[in-house]
Amino acid sequence: MDFEMKEKKFHCPYCRTEITVLLDPSVPKQRYYEDCEVCCNAIEISYEFSDGELIFFQALPEE
């Protein structure tokens, strides 16, 4: 299967700035950290795809 990157918008859990990330549906389940481009705090991003569709997305403050 060929998957295109999916754009996902969410709000930083610290400063509430809207952030856009690109998610790779060829990786069914992933968790990683991304720094907010405004406040520079680390955000834990978790997502899951099923058949190329995003079924779970979560953006939490770093613990």
PDB file of N, CA and C in Angstrom:
ATOM      1  N   MET A   1       0.835  -1.198   0.000  1.00  0.00           N
ATOM      2  CA  MET A   1       0.000   0.000   0.000  1.00  0.00           C
ATOM      3  C   MET A   1       0.872   1.251   0.000  1.00  0.00           C
ATOM      4  N   ASP A   2       0.434   2.234  -0.745  1.00  0.00           N
ATOM      5  CA  ASP A   2       1.128   3.516  -0.795  1.00  0.00           C
ATOM      6  C   ASP A   2       0.363   4.518   0.054  1.00  0.00           C
ATOM      7  N   PHE A   3       1.041   5.128   1.028  1.00  0.00           N
ATOM      8  CA  PHE A   3       0.387   6.090   1.901  1.00  0.00           C
ATOM      9  C   PHE A   3       1.037   7.451   1.747  1.00  0.00           C
ATOM     10  N   GLU A   4       0.223   8.485   1.734  1.00  0.00           N
ATOM     11  CA  GLU A   4       0.724   9.852   1.746  1.00  0.00           C
ATOM     12  C   GLU A   4       0.751  10.342   3.183  1.00  0.00           C
ATOM     13  N   MET A   5       1.685  11.237   3.475  1.00  0.00           N
ATOM     14  CA  MET A   5       1.753  11.836   4.804  1.00  0.00           C
ATOM     15  C   MET A   5       0.434  12.568   5.086  1.00  0.00           C
ATOM     16  N   LYS A   6      -0.013  12.500   6.321  1.00  0.00           N
ATOM     17  CA  LYS A   6      -1.268  13.146   6.728  1.00  0.00           C
ATOM     18  C   LYS A   6      -0.948  14.342   7.623  1.00  0.00           C
ATOM     19  N   GLU A   7      -1.579  15.453   7.329  1.00  0.00           N
ATOM     20  CA  GLU A   7      -1.398  16.657   8.136  1.00  0.00           C
ATOM     21  C   GLU A   7      -2.376  16.627   9.304  1.00  0.00           C
ATOM     22  N   LYS A   8      -1.873  16.937  10.498  1.00  0.00           N
ATOM     23  CA  LYS A   8      -2.716  16.968  11.697  1.00  0.00           C
ATOM     24  C   LYS A   8      -2.457  18.265  12.449  1.00  0.00           C
ATOM     25  N   LYS A   9      -3.532  18.979  12.750  1.00  0.00           N
ATOM     26  CA  LYS A   9      -3.429  20.207  13.537  1.00  0.00           C
ATOM     27  C   LYS A   9      -3.896  19.929  14.954  1.00  0.00           C
ATOM     28  N   PHE A  10      -3.208  20.538  15.914  1.00  0.00           N
ATOM     29  CA  PHE A  10      -3.588  20.407  17.318  1.00  0.00           C
ATOM     30  C   PHE A  10      -3.068  21.627  18.056  1.00  0.00           C
ATOM     31  N   HIS A  11      -3.421  21.755  19.319  1.00  0.00           N
ATOM     32  CA  HIS A  11      -2.962  22.883  20.134  1.00  0.00           C
ATOM     33  C   HIS A  11      -1.911  22.418  21.132  1.00  0.00           C
ATOM     34  N   CYS A  12      -0.860  23.217  21.260  1.00  0.00           N
ATOM     35  CA  CYS A  12       0.189  22.921  22.234  1.00  0.00           C
ATOM     36  C   CYS A  12      -0.436  22.807  23.617  1.00  0.00           C
ATOM     37  N   PRO A  13      -0.109  21.754  24.371  1.00  0.00           N
ATOM     38  CA  PRO A  13      -0.684  21.602  25.712  1.00  0.00           C
ATOM     39  C   PRO A  13      -0.150  22.635  26.716  1.00  0.00           C
ATOM     40  N   TYR A  14       0.869  23.384  26.342  1.00  0.00           N
ATOM     41  CA  TYR A  14       1.436  24.402  27.229  1.00  0.00           C
ATOM     42  C   TYR A  14       0.902  25.798  26.900  1.00  0.00           C
ATOM     43  N   CYS A  15       1.125  26.245  25.668  1.00  0.00           N
ATOM     44  CA  CYS A  15       0.800  27.642  25.322  1.00  0.00           C
ATOM     45  C   CYS A  15      -0.441  27.772  24.437  1.00  0.00           C
ATOM     46  N   ARG A  16      -1.039  26.653  24.036  1.00  0.00           N
ATOM     47  CA  ARG A  16      -2.269  26.598  23.243  1.00  0.00           C
ATOM     48  C   ARG A  16      -2.123  27.088  21.802  1.00  0.00           C
ATOM     49  N   THR A  17      -0.889  27.294  21.338  1.00  0.00           N
ATOM     50  CA  THR A  17      -0.665  27.665  19.948  1.00  0.00           C
ATOM     51  C   THR A  17      -1.052  26.504  19.044  1.00  0.00           C
ATOM     52  N   GLU A  18      -1.687  26.810  17.917  1.00  0.00           N
ATOM     53  CA  GLU A  18      -2.016  25.748  16.966  1.00  0.00           C
ATOM     54  C   GLU A  18      -0.739  25.303  16.252  1.00  0.00           C
ATOM     55  N   ILE A  19      -0.530  24.003  16.207  1.00  0.00           N
ATOM     56  CA  ILE A  19       0.652  23.393  15.613  1.00  0.00           C
ATOM     57  C   ILE A  19       0.180  22.403  14.551  1.00  0.00           C
ATOM     58  N   THR A  20       0.949  22.294  13.479  1.00  0.00           N
ATOM     59  CA  THR A  20       0.668  21.316  12.433  1.00  0.00           C
ATOM     60  C   THR A  20       1.841  20.348  12.346  1.00  0.00           C
ATOM     61  N   VAL A  21       1.528  19.057  12.356  1.00  0.00           N
ATOM     62  CA  VAL A  21       2.555  18.030  12.175  1.00  0.00           C
ATOM     63  C   VAL A  21       2.151  17.146  11.001  1.00  0.00           C
ATOM     64  N   LEU A  22       3.145  16.485  10.419  1.00  0.00           N
ATOM     65  CA  LEU A  22       2.903  15.506   9.369  1.00  0.00           C
ATOM     66  C   LEU A  22       3.078  14.116   9.968  1.00  0.00           C
ATOM     67  N   LEU A  23       2.077  13.273   9.769  1.00  0.00           N
ATOM     68  CA  LEU A  23       2.093  11.914  10.300  1.00  0.00           C
ATOM     69  C   LEU A  23       2.245  10.925   9.152  1.00  0.00           C
ATOM     70  N   ASP A  24       2.980   9.868   9.404  1.00  0.00           N
ATOM     71  CA  ASP A  24       3.271   8.861   8.382  1.00  0.00           C
ATOM     72  C   ASP A  24       2.379   7.637   8.581  1.00  0.00           C
ATOM     73  N   PRO A  25       1.364   7.454   7.738  1.00  0.00           N
ATOM     74  CA  PRO A  25       0.459   6.308   7.892  1.00  0.00           C
ATOM     75  C   PRO A  25       1.115   4.953   7.616  1.00  0.00           C
ATOM     76  N   SER A  26       2.316   4.944   7.014  1.00  0.00           N
ATOM     77  CA  SER A  26       2.984   3.658   6.784  1.00  0.00           C
ATOM     78  C   SER A  26       3.563   3.088   8.076  1.00  0.00           C
ATOM     79  N   VAL A  27       3.597   3.918   9.135  1.00  0.00           N
ATOM     80  CA  VAL A  27       3.983   3.466  10.479  1.00  0.00           C
ATOM     81  C   VAL A  27       2.680   3.411  11.280  1.00  0.00           C
ATOM     82  N   PRO A  28       2.103   2.215  11.471  1.00  0.00           N
ATOM     83  CA  PRO A  28       0.765   2.113  12.060  1.00  0.00           C
ATOM     84  C   PRO A  28       0.617   2.734  13.452  1.00  0.00           C
ATOM     85  N   LYS A  29       1.670   2.658  14.262  1.00  0.00           N
ATOM     86  CA  LYS A  29       1.574   3.163  15.634  1.00  0.00           C
ATOM     87  C   LYS A  29       2.909   3.804  15.986  1.00  0.00           C
ATOM     88  N   GLN A  30       2.858   5.031  16.515  1.00  0.00           N
ATOM     89  CA  GLN A  30       4.110   5.717  16.818  1.00  0.00           C
ATOM     90  C   GLN A  30       3.926   6.653  18.003  1.00  0.00           C
ATOM     91  N   ARG A  31       5.046   6.845  18.721  1.00  0.00           N
ATOM     92  CA  ARG A  31       5.098   7.823  19.814  1.00  0.00           C
ATOM     93  C   ARG A  31       6.453   8.512  19.728  1.00  0.00           C
ATOM     94  N   TYR A  32       6.439   9.838  19.766  1.00  0.00           N
ATOM     95  CA  TYR A  32       7.680  10.599  19.694  1.00  0.00           C
ATOM     96  C   TYR A  32       7.488  11.956  20.357  1.00  0.00           C
ATOM     97  N   TYR A  33       8.578  12.700  20.504  1.00  0.00           N
ATOM     98  CA  TYR A  33       8.531  14.032  21.112  1.00  0.00           C
ATOM     99  C   TYR A  33       8.838  15.082  20.069  1.00  0.00           C
ATOM    100  N   GLU A  34       8.096  16.163  20.138  1.00  0.00           N
ATOM    101  CA  GLU A  34       8.278  17.299  19.234  1.00  0.00           C
ATOM    102  C   GLU A  34       8.240  18.550  20.104  1.00  0.00           C
ATOM    103  N   ASP A  35       9.140  19.485  19.848  1.00  0.00           N
ATOM    104  CA  ASP A  35       9.139  20.739  20.598  1.00  0.00           C
ATOM    105  C   ASP A  35       8.178  21.727  19.965  1.00  0.00           C
ATOM    106  N   CYS A  36       7.435  22.435  20.808  1.00  0.00           N
ATOM    107  CA  CYS A  36       6.558  23.497  20.330  1.00  0.00           C
ATOM    108  C   CYS A  36       7.429  24.587  19.710  1.00  0.00           C
ATOM    109  N   GLU A  37       7.043  25.053  18.538  1.00  0.00           N
ATOM    110  CA  GLU A  37       7.834  26.075  17.856  1.00  0.00           C
ATOM    111  C   GLU A  37       7.712  27.446  18.506  1.00  0.00           C
ATOM    112  N   VAL A  38       6.745  27.636  19.408  1.00  0.00           N
ATOM    113  CA  VAL A  38       6.560  28.923  20.071  1.00  0.00           C
ATOM    114  C   VAL A  38       7.176  28.932  21.473  1.00  0.00           C
ATOM    115  N   CYS A  39       6.773  27.971  22.316  1.00  0.00           N
ATOM    116  CA  CYS A  39       7.239  27.988  23.716  1.00  0.00           C
ATOM    117  C   CYS A  39       8.405  27.029  23.971  1.00  0.00           C
ATOM    118  N   CYS A  40       8.754  26.211  22.987  1.00  0.00           N
ATOM    119  CA  CYS A  40       9.907  25.289  23.030  1.00  0.00           C
ATOM    120  C   CYS A  40       9.772  24.142  24.026  1.00  0.00           C
ATOM    121  N   ASN A  41       8.605  23.930  24.591  1.00  0.00           N
ATOM    122  CA  ASN A  41       8.406  22.791  25.490  1.00  0.00           C
ATOM    123  C   ASN A  41       8.198  21.515  24.677  1.00  0.00           C
ATOM    124  N   ALA A  42       8.634  20.387  25.239  1.00  0.00           N
ATOM    125  CA  ALA A  42       8.502  19.093  24.566  1.00  0.00           C
ATOM    126  C   ALA A  42       7.079  18.566  24.706  1.00  0.00           C
ATOM    127  N   ILE A  43       6.540  18.088  23.586  1.00  0.00           N
ATOM    128  CA  ILE A  43       5.191  17.528  23.531  1.00  0.00           C
ATOM    129  C   ILE A  43       5.312  16.067  23.128  1.00  0.00           C
ATOM    130  N   GLU A  44       4.680  15.190  23.894  1.00  0.00           N
ATOM    131  CA  GLU A  44       4.650  13.770  23.543  1.00  0.00           C
ATOM    132  C   GLU A  44       3.501  13.538  22.569  1.00  0.00           C
ATOM    133  N   ILE A  45       3.828  13.113  21.373  1.00  0.00           N
ATOM    134  CA  ILE A  45       2.826  12.869  20.340  1.00  0.00           C
ATOM    135  C   ILE A  45       2.700  11.366  20.132  1.00  0.00           C
ATOM    136  N   SER A  46       1.462  10.884  20.221  1.00  0.00           N
ATOM    137  CA  SER A  46       1.166   9.469  19.982  1.00  0.00           C
ATOM    138  C   SER A  46       0.062   9.398  18.939  1.00  0.00           C
ATOM    139  N   TYR A  47       0.214   8.452  18.008  1.00  0.00           N
ATOM    140  CA  TYR A  47      -0.860   8.277  17.032  1.00  0.00           C
ATOM    141  C   TYR A  47      -0.908   6.840  16.549  1.00  0.00           C
ATOM    142  N   GLU A  48      -2.069   6.513  15.951  1.00  0.00           N
ATOM    143  CA  GLU A  48      -2.261   5.174  15.407  1.00  0.00           C
ATOM    144  C   GLU A  48      -3.117   5.264  14.150  1.00  0.00           C
ATOM    145  N   PHE A  49      -2.695   4.529  13.135  1.00  0.00           N
ATOM    146  CA  PHE A  49      -3.437   4.429  11.890  1.00  0.00           C
ATOM    147  C   PHE A  49      -3.956   3.015  11.711  1.00  0.00           C
ATOM    148  N   SER A  50      -5.087   2.898  11.039  1.00  0.00           N
ATOM    149  CA  SER A  50      -5.625   1.609  10.623  1.00  0.00           C
ATOM    150  C   SER A  50      -6.089   1.763   9.180  1.00  0.00           C
ATOM    151  N   ASP A  51      -5.546   0.960   8.294  1.00  0.00           N
ATOM    152  CA  ASP A  51      -5.872   1.033   6.858  1.00  0.00           C
ATOM    153  C   ASP A  51      -5.715   2.447   6.308  1.00  0.00           C
ATOM    154  N   GLY A  52      -4.670   3.150   6.744  1.00  0.00           N
ATOM    155  CA  GLY A  52      -4.385   4.486   6.235  1.00  0.00           C
ATOM    156  C   GLY A  52      -5.198   5.600   6.856  1.00  0.00           C
ATOM    157  N   GLU A  53      -6.091   5.266   7.794  1.00  0.00           N
ATOM    158  CA  GLU A  53      -6.930   6.275   8.449  1.00  0.00           C
ATOM    159  C   GLU A  53      -6.461   6.481   9.884  1.00  0.00           C
ATOM    160  N   LEU A  54      -6.372   7.730  10.284  1.00  0.00           N
ATOM    161  CA  LEU A  54      -5.974   8.069  11.646  1.00  0.00           C
ATOM    162  C   LEU A  54      -7.106   7.698  12.600  1.00  0.00           C
ATOM    163  N   ILE A  55      -6.821   6.790  13.544  1.00  0.00           N
ATOM    164  CA  ILE A  55      -7.855   6.352  14.491  1.00  0.00           C
ATOM    165  C   ILE A  55      -7.581   6.834  15.905  1.00  0.00           C
ATOM    166  N   PHE A  56      -6.352   7.322  16.163  1.00  0.00           N
ATOM    167  CA  PHE A  56      -6.009   7.807  17.492  1.00  0.00           C
ATOM    168  C   PHE A  56      -4.921   8.865  17.357  1.00  0.00           C
ATOM    169  N   PHE A  57      -5.081   9.975  18.086  1.00  0.00           N
ATOM    170  CA  PHE A  57      -4.056  11.017  18.135  1.00  0.00           C
ATOM    171  C   PHE A  57      -4.090  11.647  19.518  1.00  0.00           C
ATOM    172  N   GLN A  58      -2.917  11.857  20.090  1.00  0.00           N
ATOM    173  CA  GLN A  58      -2.822  12.468  21.412  1.00  0.00           C
ATOM    174  C   GLN A  58      -1.554  13.312  21.471  1.00  0.00           C
ATOM    175  N   ALA A  59      -1.667  14.514  22.036  1.00  0.00           N
ATOM    176  CA  ALA A  59      -0.534  15.399  22.237  1.00  0.00           C
ATOM    177  C   ALA A  59      -0.543  15.840  23.701  1.00  0.00           C
ATOM    178  N   LEU A  60       0.434  15.347  24.458  1.00  0.00           N
ATOM    179  CA  LEU A  60       0.465  15.582  25.898  1.00  0.00           C
ATOM    180  C   LEU A  60       1.753  16.310  26.309  1.00  0.00           C
ATOM    181  N   PRO A  61       1.715  17.026  27.442  1.00  0.00           N
ATOM    182  CA  PRO A  61       2.939  17.610  27.954  1.00  0.00           C
ATOM    183  C   PRO A  61       3.923  16.511  28.331  1.00  0.00           C
ATOM    184  N   GLU A  62       5.213  16.785  28.190  1.00  0.00           N
ATOM    185  CA  GLU A  62       6.231  15.812  28.563  1.00  0.00           C
ATOM    186  C   GLU A  62       6.131  15.550  30.062  1.00  0.00           C
ATOM    187  N   GLU A  63       6.253  14.293  30.443  1.00  0.00           N
ATOM    188  CA  GLU A  63       6.161  13.951  31.873  1.00  0.00           C
ATOM    189  C   GLU A  63       7.524  13.908  32.494  1.00  0.00           C
TER     190      GLU A  63
END
